[in-house]
């Protein structure tokens, strides 16, 4: 371990949590558990918010709990504690063992297979602490608001700005002999403002997030982006109902792939509650769509050396020319499906959607006439049937040019058709989330307006 690591308190915390995990695993064994696993994620840091230059909140957060699951044969019991004293740890194990006595036997319970575990995790450079003061955080928020409010007389009010800087740790261990942990950081700044033109008012926001302080956008950039987004929505109109091409802008296009994550997750599959049952190896998207998962991107927002069961993460292909290459399985679901864990307990790890076209402006030219969606509302998505219906707002496009903003519309279709109807993916990739994609052009959707 480097001198820097020796000096940083978080590495001492990780060592202490690893000791606590070892203690509960040993205690579980003594109390008759066939096997056991324990994990802890904790976060600490600063959150501040302002509105119109006045401080609204200053919070110092510190939270986290150690959870343990014990297996007595095929019976499972779980308990958790935020107190890491020896007495509290003994008590939480005792409670988990007691709970296991009353649960039903389930032959699919148990730890991940030992051969799948990550015993030598790589350092993915996820930890970049920032010694930021409340005064600095408040100043960032004020700068963002001021930049927005001073940019245009039509920006008439603010819904506030928020800044946060957090560091945390994640430790996992089980009775196969694995105990491992690593630190991580996340910093963010956001701003939301209100614009008015005549009697119509609109609001919109912008945000930046990164594991590194120096990769955040500046407060001025965030404020100006919030103002630009808000102003663009003023004087919106409704659209006439009809079928038309639709572009999902990059910052919301990732939600389409979020529905894919739900549909090919183990829980949905073994419960037979997915519209993509028995789809492995079949064409579920347009042949233009290719997705690679890269869990080990240095400093990646969704990078991790292992999943929440300790299973090693690894590069894999999710979609190849539109064909589904893998499900997303944790150990329990994998056993239910007579398959092997894919290292997706707890979620996905950096999906990279391959671009087929240029920036958003090029996609708009390619579409010619249709709807550019920049905002989605509501939760009208049925993963069992694939039916999709959500409120939306955005812009009407004609002859490859944005004409005017539109609002109070609904876009609808079935995810099977939407996925196969993708005709272009832009290079304007949004890097802020676990799915990194550009804007997406869908050949046709039902749009309901006037």
Protein backbone atom coordinates (compact mmCIF):
# COMPACT_ATOMS: atom_id res chain seq x y z
CA UNK A 1 0.00 0.00 0.00
CA UNK A 2 1.33 3.43 -0.90
CA UNK A 3 2.26 6.08 1.65
CA UNK A 4 -0.76 8.09 0.51
CA UNK A 5 -3.01 5.17 1.29
CA UNK A 6 -1.43 4.71 4.69
CA UNK A 7 -2.14 8.36 5.51
CA UNK A 8 -5.75 8.44 4.24
CA UNK A 9 -8.30 7.56 6.97
CA UNK A 10 -10.60 5.77 4.53
CA UNK A 11 -8.12 2.93 4.12
CA UNK A 12 -8.10 2.50 7.88
CA UNK A 13 -11.91 2.40 7.77
CA UNK A 14 -11.82 -0.28 5.07
CA UNK A 15 -9.46 -2.34 7.22
CA UNK A 16 -11.77 -1.96 10.21
CA UNK A 17 -14.82 -2.99 8.18
CA UNK A 18 -12.94 -5.99 6.77
CA UNK A 19 -12.14 -7.01 10.35
CA UNK A 20 -15.82 -6.66 11.29
CA UNK A 21 -16.84 -8.76 8.27
CA UNK A 22 -14.35 -11.46 9.27
CA UNK A 23 -15.78 -11.41 12.79
CA UNK A 24 -19.39 -11.91 11.72
CA UNK A 25 -18.45 -14.68 9.28
CA UNK A 26 -16.56 -16.52 12.02
CA UNK A 27 -19.41 -16.04 14.49
CA UNK A 28 -21.93 -17.35 11.93
CA UNK A 29 -19.84 -20.48 11.47
CA UNK A 30 -19.68 -21.06 15.24
CA UNK A 31 -23.45 -20.70 15.53
CA UNK A 32 -24.05 -23.40 12.91
CA UNK A 33 -24.36 -21.54 9.62
CA UNK A 34 -23.49 -23.68 6.64
CA UNK A 35 -22.22 -20.54 4.91
CA UNK A 36 -22.51 -16.77 5.26
CA UNK A 37 -21.81 -13.48 3.52
CA UNK A 38 -21.53 -9.93 4.77
CA UNK A 39 -21.23 -6.56 3.07
CA UNK A 40 -21.04 -2.91 3.96
CA UNK A 41 -21.31 0.23 1.88
CA UNK A 42 -20.88 3.55 3.65
CA UNK A 43 -20.86 7.14 2.45
CA UNK A 44 -19.80 10.39 4.06
CA UNK A 45 -19.54 13.91 2.77
CA UNK A 46 -21.04 17.33 2.27
CA UNK A 47 -24.28 18.45 0.63
CA UNK A 48 -25.33 22.09 0.29
CA UNK A 49 -28.10 23.90 -1.55
CA UNK A 50 -29.02 27.51 -2.24
CA UNK A 51 -31.96 29.32 -3.75
CA UNK A 52 -31.64 32.86 -5.09
CA UNK A 53 -28.28 33.11 -3.39
CA UNK A 54 -29.61 32.21 0.06
CA UNK A 55 -28.39 29.06 1.79
CA UNK A 56 -31.17 26.50 2.14
CA UNK A 57 -29.33 23.44 3.48
CA UNK A 58 -25.90 22.40 4.69
CA UNK A 59 -25.61 18.73 5.55
CA UNK A 60 -22.75 16.55 6.63
CA UNK A 61 -23.81 13.01 5.80
CA UNK A 62 -22.44 9.80 7.22
CA UNK A 63 -24.38 6.61 6.74
CA UNK A 64 -23.87 2.95 6.18
CA UNK A 65 -24.76 -0.42 7.66
CA UNK A 66 -23.23 -3.86 7.66
CA UNK A 67 -25.60 -6.53 6.42
CA UNK A 68 -25.16 -10.27 6.89
CA UNK A 69 -26.94 -13.21 5.29
CA UNK A 70 -26.52 -16.65 6.81
CA UNK A 71 -27.45 -19.95 5.23
CA UNK A 72 -28.42 -22.88 7.42
CA UNK A 73 -28.76 -25.57 4.85
CA UNK A 74 -31.21 -24.09 2.37
CA UNK A 75 -32.70 -21.64 4.85
CA UNK A 76 -31.63 -18.00 4.72
CA UNK A 77 -31.66 -15.32 7.39
CA UNK A 78 -30.55 -11.70 7.06
CA UNK A 79 -29.94 -8.85 9.49
CA UNK A 80 -28.02 -5.57 9.56
CA UNK A 81 -26.40 -3.10 11.94
CA UNK A 82 -24.71 0.29 11.77
CA UNK A 83 -22.88 -0.44 15.05
CA UNK A 84 -19.60 -2.25 14.44
CA UNK A 85 -18.79 -2.93 18.09
CA UNK A 86 -18.03 -6.62 18.85
CA UNK A 87 -21.19 -6.91 20.96
CA UNK A 88 -23.41 -5.50 18.21
CA UNK A 89 -21.80 -7.72 15.59
CA UNK A 90 -22.40 -10.82 17.70
CA UNK A 91 -26.02 -9.80 18.17
CA UNK A 92 -26.67 -9.23 14.45
CA UNK A 93 -25.32 -12.69 13.61
CA UNK A 94 -27.45 -14.27 16.32
CA UNK A 95 -30.55 -12.53 14.93
CA UNK A 96 -29.77 -13.67 11.38
CA UNK A 97 -29.40 -17.28 12.56
CA UNK A 98 -32.71 -17.06 14.44
CA UNK A 99 -34.47 -15.68 11.37
CA UNK A 100 -33.07 -18.50 9.23
CA UNK A 101 -34.79 -21.05 11.50
CA UNK A 102 -38.18 -19.67 10.51
CA UNK A 103 -37.70 -19.22 6.77
CA UNK A 104 -38.72 -21.75 4.18
CA UNK A 105 -36.12 -23.99 2.58
CA UNK A 106 -35.14 -22.91 -0.90
CA UNK A 107 -32.72 -25.11 -2.87
CA UNK A 108 -31.55 -22.10 -4.90
CA UNK A 109 -30.26 -20.19 -1.85
CA UNK A 110 -26.56 -19.87 -1.20
CA UNK A 111 -23.34 -18.05 -1.95
CA UNK A 112 -22.00 -17.46 -5.43
CA UNK A 113 -19.80 -20.30 -6.69
CA UNK A 114 -16.27 -19.95 -5.36
CA UNK A 115 -14.74 -20.27 -8.83
CA UNK A 116 -16.55 -17.09 -9.95
CA UNK A 117 -15.29 -14.87 -7.13
CA UNK A 118 -12.78 -12.03 -7.47
CA UNK A 119 -10.01 -12.66 -4.95
CA UNK A 120 -7.53 -10.16 -6.45
CA UNK A 121 -9.54 -7.06 -7.48
CA UNK A 122 -7.83 -4.44 -9.62
CA UNK A 123 -7.61 -0.81 -8.51
CA UNK A 124 -10.00 1.04 -10.84
CA UNK A 125 -8.98 4.52 -9.64
CA UNK A 126 -12.44 5.33 -8.26
CA UNK A 127 -11.23 7.32 -5.25
CA UNK A 128 -10.48 11.02 -5.62
CA UNK A 129 -11.36 12.82 -2.38
CA UNK A 130 -11.96 16.57 -2.38
CA UNK A 131 -11.35 18.61 0.76
CA UNK A 132 -14.09 21.05 -0.08
CA UNK A 133 -15.56 23.39 2.57
CA UNK A 134 -19.23 24.31 3.00
CA UNK A 135 -18.31 27.87 1.96
CA UNK A 136 -16.85 26.59 -1.32
CA UNK A 137 -19.91 24.44 -1.99
CA UNK A 138 -22.21 27.38 -1.32
CA UNK A 139 -20.13 29.53 -3.66
CA UNK A 140 -20.45 26.97 -6.46
CA UNK A 141 -24.23 26.97 -6.05
CA UNK A 142 -24.41 30.77 -6.02
CA UNK A 143 -22.23 31.01 -9.13
CA UNK A 144 -24.46 28.57 -11.02
CA UNK A 145 -27.62 30.47 -10.08
CA UNK A 146 -26.06 33.85 -10.91
CA UNK A 147 -24.84 32.63 -14.29
CA UNK A 148 -28.35 31.47 -15.17
CA UNK A 149 -30.20 34.51 -13.82
CA UNK A 150 -27.83 36.99 -15.48
CA UNK A 151 -27.88 35.25 -18.85
CA UNK A 152 -31.29 36.46 -20.04
CA UNK A 153 -34.06 38.68 -18.69
CA UNK A 154 -36.54 35.85 -19.30
CA UNK A 155 -34.91 33.78 -16.57
CA UNK A 156 -37.05 35.18 -13.77
CA UNK A 157 -36.56 32.80 -10.86
CA UNK A 158 -34.53 29.92 -9.51
CA UNK A 159 -35.59 26.58 -8.11
CA UNK A 160 -32.17 26.34 -6.52
CA UNK A 161 -28.74 24.83 -6.96
CA UNK A 162 -27.20 21.87 -5.16
CA UNK A 163 -23.63 20.71 -4.63
CA UNK A 164 -22.41 17.47 -3.10
CA UNK A 165 -19.06 15.81 -2.53
CA UNK A 166 -19.04 12.33 -1.05
CA UNK A 167 -16.57 9.57 -0.44
CA UNK A 168 -17.39 6.05 0.55
CA UNK A 169 -16.29 2.48 0.76
CA UNK A 170 -17.58 -0.91 -0.20
CA UNK A 171 -16.52 -4.16 1.49
CA UNK A 172 -17.75 -7.68 0.78
CA UNK A 173 -16.82 -10.99 2.32
CA UNK A 174 -18.10 -14.55 2.46
CA UNK A 175 -17.22 -17.91 3.95
CA UNK A 176 -15.42 -19.00 0.77
CA UNK A 177 -12.52 -16.96 2.15
CA UNK A 178 -13.12 -13.75 0.23
CA UNK A 179 -12.93 -10.40 2.03
CA UNK A 180 -12.24 -7.37 -0.12
CA UNK A 181 -13.01 -3.68 -0.23
CA UNK A 182 -12.31 -0.46 -2.08
CA UNK A 183 -13.02 3.29 -1.74
CA UNK A 184 -14.84 5.56 -4.19
CA UNK A 185 -15.89 9.19 -4.57
CA UNK A 186 -18.63 11.11 -6.34
CA UNK A 187 -18.99 14.86 -6.76
CA UNK A 188 -21.89 16.73 -8.39
CA UNK A 189 -23.40 20.15 -9.02
CA UNK A 190 -26.88 20.93 -10.35
CA UNK A 191 -29.04 23.98 -10.99
CA UNK A 192 -32.72 24.48 -11.90
CA UNK A 193 -34.22 27.78 -13.04
CA UNK A 194 -37.56 29.18 -14.18
CA UNK A 195 -38.13 31.16 -17.37
CA UNK A 196 -41.09 33.29 -18.40
CA UNK A 197 -42.25 34.81 -21.67
CA UNK A 198 -45.63 36.50 -21.48
CA UNK A 199 -47.86 34.28 -19.37
CA UNK A 200 -46.03 31.04 -20.10
CA UNK A 201 -43.50 29.75 -17.60
CA UNK A 202 -41.12 26.80 -17.90
CA UNK A 203 -38.42 25.26 -15.78
CA UNK A 204 -35.44 23.07 -16.55
CA UNK A 205 -32.14 22.05 -15.07
CA UNK A 206 -28.58 20.96 -15.75
CA UNK A 207 -26.10 18.93 -13.77
CA UNK A 208 -22.55 17.61 -13.80
CA UNK A 209 -21.15 14.61 -11.94
CA UNK A 210 -17.79 12.87 -11.77
CA UNK A 211 -15.50 10.91 -9.49
CA UNK A 212 -12.90 13.67 -9.95
CA UNK A 213 -13.20 17.31 -8.98
CA UNK A 214 -11.42 18.53 -12.11
CA UNK A 215 -13.76 16.66 -14.45
CA UNK A 216 -16.84 18.53 -13.33
CA UNK A 217 -18.22 21.30 -15.52
CA UNK A 218 -17.75 24.75 -14.00
CA UNK A 219 -20.55 26.38 -12.02
CA UNK A 220 -20.96 28.95 -14.81
CA UNK A 221 -21.33 26.21 -17.42
CA UNK A 222 -23.98 24.41 -15.34
CA UNK A 223 -25.94 27.63 -14.77
CA UNK A 224 -25.82 28.67 -18.43
CA UNK A 225 -26.87 25.20 -19.55
CA UNK A 226 -29.85 25.28 -17.16
CA UNK A 227 -30.85 28.68 -18.57
CA UNK A 228 -30.45 27.55 -22.18
CA UNK A 229 -32.59 24.44 -21.60
CA UNK A 230 -35.28 26.50 -19.89
CA UNK A 231 -35.41 29.24 -22.51
CA UNK A 232 -35.65 26.72 -25.32
CA UNK A 233 -38.92 25.39 -23.85
CA UNK A 234 -40.72 28.75 -23.76
CA UNK A 235 -43.72 29.28 -26.05
CA UNK A 236 -44.24 25.56 -26.53
CA UNK A 237 -47.14 24.19 -28.54
CA UNK A 238 -49.07 20.96 -28.76
CA UNK A 239 -48.74 18.58 -31.68
CA UNK A 240 -51.44 16.93 -33.69
CA UNK A 241 -51.83 13.23 -32.98
CA UNK A 242 -50.09 10.93 -35.45
CA UNK A 243 -47.32 8.47 -36.15
CA UNK A 244 -43.87 9.93 -36.78
CA UNK A 245 -40.12 9.43 -36.32
CA UNK A 246 -38.83 10.22 -32.83
CA UNK A 247 -35.36 11.13 -31.56
CA UNK A 248 -34.57 10.47 -27.90
CA UNK A 249 -31.85 12.96 -26.94
CA UNK A 250 -28.77 11.34 -25.39
CA UNK A 251 -29.53 12.34 -21.80
CA UNK A 252 -32.85 10.45 -21.88
CA UNK A 253 -32.00 7.78 -24.48
CA UNK A 254 -30.34 5.77 -21.72
CA UNK A 255 -33.80 5.16 -20.23
CA UNK A 256 -34.66 2.92 -23.20
CA UNK A 257 -31.74 0.68 -22.32
CA UNK A 258 -32.83 0.81 -18.69
CA UNK A 259 -35.97 -1.03 -19.79
CA UNK A 260 -33.74 -3.62 -21.47
CA UNK A 261 -31.86 -4.05 -18.17
CA UNK A 262 -35.16 -4.78 -16.41
CA UNK A 263 -36.37 -7.15 -19.11
CA UNK A 264 -33.23 -9.33 -19.20
CA UNK A 265 -32.61 -9.29 -15.44
CA UNK A 266 -32.76 -12.65 -13.72
CA UNK A 267 -35.64 -11.72 -11.42
CA UNK A 268 -37.94 -10.82 -14.31
CA UNK A 269 -36.92 -13.92 -16.24
CA UNK A 270 -37.44 -16.60 -13.61
CA UNK A 271 -40.74 -14.99 -12.61
CA UNK A 272 -41.73 -15.03 -16.29
CA UNK A 273 -42.57 -11.34 -16.06
CA UNK A 274 -40.59 -10.04 -19.04
CA UNK A 275 -41.47 -9.34 -22.65
CA UNK A 276 -38.05 -10.75 -23.58
CA UNK A 277 -38.49 -14.29 -22.22
CA UNK A 278 -36.50 -16.90 -24.19
CA UNK A 279 -34.79 -14.17 -26.22
CA UNK A 280 -31.17 -15.19 -25.73
CA UNK A 281 -29.45 -15.40 -29.12
CA UNK A 282 -32.38 -13.78 -30.92
CA UNK A 283 -32.77 -10.43 -32.65
CA UNK A 284 -34.34 -8.05 -30.13
CA UNK A 285 -32.99 -4.74 -31.50
CA UNK A 286 -32.24 -3.25 -34.87
CA UNK A 287 -29.09 -4.79 -36.35
CA UNK A 288 -27.44 -1.36 -35.94
CA UNK A 289 -27.37 -1.69 -32.15
CA UNK A 290 -24.22 -2.98 -30.43
CA UNK A 291 -23.59 -2.75 -26.68
CA UNK A 292 -20.44 -3.72 -24.80
CA UNK A 293 -20.16 -3.80 -21.02
CA UNK A 294 -16.79 -2.56 -19.69
CA UNK A 295 -16.76 -2.83 -15.87
CA UNK A 296 -13.09 -1.90 -15.46
CA UNK A 297 -12.98 1.57 -17.04
CA UNK A 298 -10.69 3.64 -14.84
CA UNK A 299 -12.66 6.27 -12.92
CA UNK A 300 -15.90 5.00 -14.50
CA UNK A 301 -19.15 6.03 -12.87
CA UNK A 302 -20.39 2.41 -12.88
CA UNK A 303 -17.04 0.62 -12.67
CA UNK A 304 -16.54 -2.16 -10.13
CA UNK A 305 -14.09 -5.07 -9.82
CA UNK A 306 -16.82 -7.36 -8.45
CA UNK A 307 -20.59 -7.40 -8.07
CA UNK A 308 -22.51 -7.34 -4.79
CA UNK A 309 -21.95 -11.11 -4.34
CA UNK A 310 -18.20 -10.89 -4.89
CA UNK A 311 -18.42 -12.32 -8.41
CA UNK A 312 -15.72 -10.88 -10.68
CA UNK A 313 -16.96 -8.47 -13.29
CA UNK A 314 -15.63 -8.81 -16.83
CA UNK A 315 -16.00 -7.31 -20.27
CA UNK A 316 -18.91 -8.81 -22.14
CA UNK A 317 -21.11 -8.21 -25.16
CA UNK A 318 -24.75 -7.42 -24.39
CA UNK A 319 -26.01 -6.88 -27.95
CA UNK A 320 -24.24 -7.81 -31.17
CA UNK A 321 -25.91 -6.53 -34.34
CA UNK A 322 -29.13 -6.39 -32.36
CA UNK A 323 -28.91 -9.98 -31.07
CA UNK A 324 -29.10 -10.55 -27.32
CA UNK A 325 -25.87 -12.19 -26.15
CA UNK A 326 -26.45 -12.53 -22.40
CA UNK A 327 -28.93 -12.26 -19.58
CA UNK A 328 -28.05 -10.33 -16.40
CA UNK A 329 -27.91 -12.89 -13.62
CA UNK A 330 -27.09 -12.97 -9.93
CA UNK A 331 -26.49 -16.36 -8.32
CA UNK A 332 -30.05 -17.05 -7.15
CA UNK A 333 -31.62 -16.28 -10.52
CA UNK A 334 -28.86 -18.19 -12.32
CA UNK A 335 -29.65 -21.34 -10.32
CA UNK A 336 -33.38 -20.92 -10.91
CA UNK A 337 -32.67 -20.74 -14.65
CA UNK A 338 -30.04 -23.51 -14.59
CA UNK A 339 -27.42 -21.03 -15.76
CA UNK A 340 -24.31 -19.32 -14.35
CA UNK A 341 -24.07 -15.94 -12.61
CA UNK A 342 -22.96 -13.20 -15.00
CA UNK A 343 -21.67 -10.88 -12.26
CA UNK A 344 -24.70 -8.59 -12.29
CA UNK A 345 -25.87 -8.80 -8.68
CA UNK A 346 -26.52 -5.17 -7.86
CA UNK A 347 -26.70 -3.82 -11.40
CA UNK A 348 -24.82 -3.18 -14.61
CA UNK A 349 -21.31 -1.83 -15.11
CA UNK A 350 -20.68 0.77 -17.86
CA UNK A 351 -22.71 -0.12 -20.94
CA UNK A 352 -21.17 1.44 -24.04
CA UNK A 353 -23.66 1.84 -26.89
CA UNK A 354 -21.83 2.07 -30.22
CA UNK A 355 -22.60 5.13 -32.33
CA UNK A 356 -23.66 4.77 -35.98
CA UNK A 357 -23.97 8.44 -36.89
CA UNK A 358 -22.76 11.96 -36.11
CA UNK A 359 -23.80 14.45 -33.44
CA UNK A 360 -27.43 15.30 -32.60
CA UNK A 361 -27.60 17.90 -35.39
CA UNK A 362 -26.80 15.15 -37.91
CA UNK A 363 -29.53 12.90 -36.51
CA UNK A 364 -32.01 15.75 -36.81
CA UNK A 365 -31.05 16.20 -40.47
CA UNK A 366 -31.32 12.46 -41.03
CA UNK A 367 -34.81 12.41 -39.49
CA UNK A 368 -35.98 15.33 -41.61
CA UNK A 369 -39.41 15.76 -40.06
CA UNK A 370 -40.48 14.41 -36.69
CA UNK A 371 -40.22 14.81 -32.93
CA UNK A 372 -37.09 15.43 -30.83
CA UNK A 373 -37.82 14.33 -27.25
CA UNK A 374 -35.81 16.03 -24.51
CA UNK A 375 -37.96 15.22 -21.48
CA UNK A 376 -39.95 12.18 -20.35
CA UNK A 377 -42.57 12.05 -17.60
CA UNK A 378 -44.51 9.29 -15.89
CA UNK A 379 -43.82 5.60 -15.52
CA UNK A 380 -46.06 4.08 -18.18
CA UNK A 381 -43.85 1.12 -19.09
CA UNK A 382 -44.98 -2.49 -18.69
CA UNK A 383 -41.98 -4.84 -18.67
CA UNK A 384 -44.26 -7.89 -18.89
CA UNK A 385 -45.87 -6.86 -22.19
CA UNK A 386 -43.40 -4.24 -23.44
CA UNK A 387 -46.14 -1.63 -23.74
CA UNK A 388 -44.68 1.87 -23.56
CA UNK A 389 -46.53 5.15 -22.98
CA UNK A 390 -44.96 8.23 -21.40
CA UNK A 391 -45.59 11.94 -21.23
CA UNK A 392 -43.03 13.90 -23.19
CA UNK A 393 -41.78 17.32 -24.20
CA UNK A 394 -39.26 18.43 -26.79
CA UNK A 395 -39.16 20.05 -30.23
CA UNK A 396 -40.89 19.74 -33.56
CA UNK A 397 -38.48 19.26 -36.47
CA UNK A 398 -39.11 19.97 -40.16
CA UNK A 399 -36.68 19.74 -43.06
CA UNK A 400 -33.89 18.82 -40.67
CA UNK A 401 -34.31 21.98 -38.57
CA UNK A 402 -35.84 22.54 -35.13
CA UNK A 403 -39.00 24.65 -35.57
CA UNK A 404 -40.53 25.15 -32.10
CA UNK A 405 -40.84 23.54 -28.66
CA UNK A 406 -43.69 21.14 -27.94
CA UNK A 407 -45.24 19.99 -24.67
CA UNK A 408 -48.23 18.12 -23.22
CA UNK A 409 -47.81 15.16 -25.55
CA UNK A 410 -47.60 11.40 -25.06
CA UNK A 411 -45.37 9.00 -26.99
CA UNK A 412 -46.36 5.36 -27.18
CA UNK A 413 -45.53 2.02 -28.73
CA UNK A 414 -44.24 -1.40 -27.76
CA UNK A 415 -40.63 -1.76 -26.69
CA UNK A 416 -40.15 -4.66 -29.11
CA UNK A 417 -41.07 -2.36 -32.00
CA UNK A 418 -39.17 0.61 -30.58
CA UNK A 419 -36.00 -1.45 -30.14
CA UNK A 420 -36.19 -2.88 -33.66
CA UNK A 421 -37.13 0.52 -35.08
CA UNK A 422 -33.85 2.21 -34.11
CA UNK A 423 -32.32 3.58 -37.32
CA UNK A 424 -29.41 5.68 -35.98
CA UNK A 425 -27.40 6.28 -32.80
CA UNK A 426 -25.59 9.59 -32.42
CA UNK A 427 -22.02 10.27 -31.32
CA UNK A 428 -23.18 12.85 -28.73
CA UNK A 429 -22.54 10.38 -25.92
CA UNK A 430 -23.68 11.21 -22.37
CA UNK A 431 -20.98 9.90 -20.01
CA UNK A 432 -22.74 10.62 -16.71
CA UNK A 433 -24.52 7.33 -16.08
CA UNK A 434 -24.16 3.56 -16.19
CA UNK A 435 -25.43 3.50 -19.82
CA UNK A 436 -23.33 5.66 -22.14
CA UNK A 437 -25.23 6.35 -25.34
CA UNK A 438 -25.75 9.07 -27.89
CA UNK A 439 -29.14 10.27 -29.11
CA UNK A 440 -31.35 7.60 -30.68
CA UNK A 441 -33.55 7.88 -33.76
CA UNK A 442 -36.60 5.59 -33.81
CA UNK A 443 -38.28 5.08 -37.17
CA UNK A 444 -41.85 5.54 -35.96
CA UNK A 445 -43.89 5.99 -32.77
CA UNK A 446 -47.41 7.02 -31.91
CA UNK A 447 -47.53 10.63 -30.69
CA UNK A 448 -50.72 11.85 -29.02
CA UNK A 449 -51.37 15.58 -28.74
CA UNK A 450 -54.34 17.59 -29.90
